[in-house]
Amino acid sequence: MNTPLEINSELLQAAIALDEEASTEAIVETALREYIQRRQQLKQEVMIGAAAADRGDLIDGETAMNALKQKLDSWRNQASS
């Protein structure tokens, strides 16, 4: 099924510049797959956290924020590789 989309042309051109051999369709499909995967992962992590909270298995806010910052730094490092 083909669905017409309005996409920011500067954003699309930047993506094409990163992989000149990829088609516009391939770039959009890859982006959507990655978006879905990340959303599913986030949903799973939220469910795990909610279950831990229900069990009373909690950590203090400072420890949680440090763990989140480390995870964010790790993601950023992976993205820049």
C-alpha atoms as a PDB file:
ATOM      1  CA  MET A   1       0.000   0.000   0.000  1.00  0.00           C
ATOM      2  CA  ASN A   2       1.425   3.360  -1.006  1.00  0.00           C
ATOM      3  CA  THR A   3       0.436   6.310   1.109  1.00  0.00           C
ATOM      4  CA  PRO A   4       1.290   9.858   0.075  1.00  0.00           C
ATOM      5  CA  LEU A   5       3.232  11.687   2.775  1.00  0.00           C
ATOM      6  CA  GLU A   6       4.308  15.243   3.311  1.00  0.00           C
ATOM      7  CA  ILE A   7       7.867  15.090   4.620  1.00  0.00           C
ATOM      8  CA  ASN A   8      10.159  17.941   5.553  1.00  0.00           C
ATOM      9  CA  SER A   9      12.366  18.140   2.454  1.00  0.00           C
ATOM     10  CA  GLU A  10      15.437  19.357   4.375  1.00  0.00           C
ATOM     11  CA  LEU A  11      15.193  16.394   6.721  1.00  0.00           C
ATOM     12  CA  LEU A  12      14.791  13.988   3.825  1.00  0.00           C
ATOM     13  CA  GLN A  13      17.701  15.524   1.908  1.00  0.00           C
ATOM     14  CA  ALA A  14      19.907  15.197   5.010  1.00  0.00           C
ATOM     15  CA  ALA A  15      19.018  11.503   5.246  1.00  0.00           C
ATOM     16  CA  ILE A  16      19.695  10.976   1.542  1.00  0.00           C
ATOM     17  CA  ALA A  17      23.071  12.702   1.907  1.00  0.00           C
ATOM     18  CA  LEU A  18      24.030  10.119   4.535  1.00  0.00           C
ATOM     19  CA  ASP A  19      23.269   7.228   2.193  1.00  0.00           C
ATOM     20  CA  GLU A  20      23.175   8.367  -1.417  1.00  0.00           C
ATOM     21  CA  GLU A  21      22.395   4.847  -2.633  1.00  0.00           C
ATOM     22  CA  ALA A  22      19.224   4.512  -0.540  1.00  0.00           C
ATOM     23  CA  SER A  23      15.899   5.394  -2.073  1.00  0.00           C
ATOM     24  CA  THR A  24      13.482   7.778  -0.419  1.00  0.00           C
ATOM     25  CA  GLU A  25      11.146   4.847   0.204  1.00  0.00           C
ATOM     26  CA  ALA A  26      13.916   2.813   1.855  1.00  0.00           C
ATOM     27  CA  ILE A  27      14.846   5.714   4.113  1.00  0.00           C
ATOM     28  CA  VAL A  28      11.243   6.239   5.230  1.00  0.00           C
ATOM     29  CA  GLU A  29      10.656   2.496   5.726  1.00  0.00           C
ATOM     30  CA  THR A  30      13.825   2.174   7.804  1.00  0.00           C
ATOM     31  CA  ALA A  31      12.880   5.179   9.898  1.00  0.00           C
ATOM     32  CA  LEU A  32       9.413   3.766  10.539  1.00  0.00           C
ATOM     33  CA  ARG A  33      10.791   0.347  11.496  1.00  0.00           C
ATOM     34  CA  GLU A  34      13.247   1.947  13.918  1.00  0.00           C
ATOM     35  CA  TYR A  35      10.489   4.145  15.358  1.00  0.00           C
ATOM     36  CA  ILE A  36       8.229   1.133  15.929  1.00  0.00           C
ATOM     37  CA  GLN A  37      11.059  -0.855  17.502  1.00  0.00           C
ATOM     38  CA  ARG A  38      11.974   1.993  19.863  1.00  0.00           C
ATOM     39  CA  ARG A  39       8.346   2.566  20.860  1.00  0.00           C
ATOM     40  CA  GLN A  40       7.881  -1.147  21.565  1.00  0.00           C
ATOM     41  CA  GLN A  41      11.072  -1.195  23.631  1.00  0.00           C
ATOM     42  CA  LEU A  42       9.969   1.875  25.581  1.00  0.00           C
ATOM     43  CA  LYS A  43       6.549   0.334  26.227  1.00  0.00           C
ATOM     44  CA  GLN A  44       8.211  -2.847  27.502  1.00  0.00           C
ATOM     45  CA  GLU A  45      10.534  -0.866  29.777  1.00  0.00           C
ATOM     46  CA  VAL A  46       7.610   1.110  31.183  1.00  0.00           C
ATOM     47  CA  MET A  47       5.739  -2.126  31.886  1.00  0.00           C
ATOM     48  CA  ILE A  48       8.811  -3.574  33.632  1.00  0.00           C
ATOM     49  CA  GLY A  49       9.120  -0.412  35.712  1.00  0.00           C
ATOM     50  CA  ALA A  50       5.448  -0.424  36.620  1.00  0.00           C
ATOM     51  CA  ALA A  51       5.680  -4.076  37.704  1.00  0.00           C
ATOM     52  CA  ALA A  52       8.741  -3.265  39.823  1.00  0.00           C
ATOM     53  CA  ALA A  53       6.893  -0.356  41.426  1.00  0.00           C
ATOM     54  CA  ASP A  54       3.917  -2.600  42.162  1.00  0.00           C
ATOM     55  CA  ARG A  55       6.302  -4.978  43.968  1.00  0.00           C
ATOM     56  CA  GLY A  56       7.799  -2.055  45.900  1.00  0.00           C
ATOM     57  CA  ASP A  57      11.132  -2.558  44.126  1.00  0.00           C
ATOM     58  CA  LEU A  58      12.055   1.097  43.726  1.00  0.00           C
ATOM     59  CA  ILE A  59      15.242   3.162  43.678  1.00  0.00           C
ATOM     60  CA  ASP A  60      15.775   6.752  44.768  1.00  0.00           C
ATOM     61  CA  GLY A  61      15.431   9.555  42.229  1.00  0.00           C
ATOM     62  CA  GLU A  62      19.126  10.466  42.051  1.00  0.00           C
ATOM     63  CA  THR A  63      20.137   6.877  41.274  1.00  0.00           C
ATOM     64  CA  ALA A  64      17.392   6.631  38.652  1.00  0.00           C
ATOM     65  CA  MET A  65      18.446   9.882  36.973  1.00  0.00           C
ATOM     66  CA  ASN A  66      22.097   8.790  36.871  1.00  0.00           C
ATOM     67  CA  ALA A  67      21.100   5.493  35.251  1.00  0.00           C
ATOM     68  CA  LEU A  68      18.985   7.342  32.676  1.00  0.00           C
ATOM     69  CA  LYS A  69      21.827   9.743  31.886  1.00  0.00           C
ATOM     70  CA  GLN A  70      24.202   6.805  31.364  1.00  0.00           C
ATOM     71  CA  LYS A  71      21.706   5.105  29.056  1.00  0.00           C
ATOM     72  CA  LEU A  72      21.206   8.330  27.090  1.00  0.00           C
ATOM     73  CA  ASP A  73      24.969   8.780  26.745  1.00  0.00           C
ATOM     74  CA  SER A  74      25.256   5.192  25.526  1.00  0.00           C
ATOM     75  CA  TRP A  75      22.529   5.753  22.907  1.00  0.00           C
ATOM     76  CA  ARG A  76      24.209   8.951  21.768  1.00  0.00           C
ATOM     77  CA  ASN A  77      27.552   7.172  21.431  1.00  0.00           C
ATOM     78  CA  GLN A  78      25.906   4.401  19.392  1.00  0.00           C
ATOM     79  CA  ALA A  79      24.183   6.931  17.159  1.00  0.00           C
ATOM     80  CA  SER A  80      27.410   8.788  16.453  1.00  0.00           C
ATOM     81  CA  SER A  81      29.313   5.600  15.560  1.00  0.00           C
END
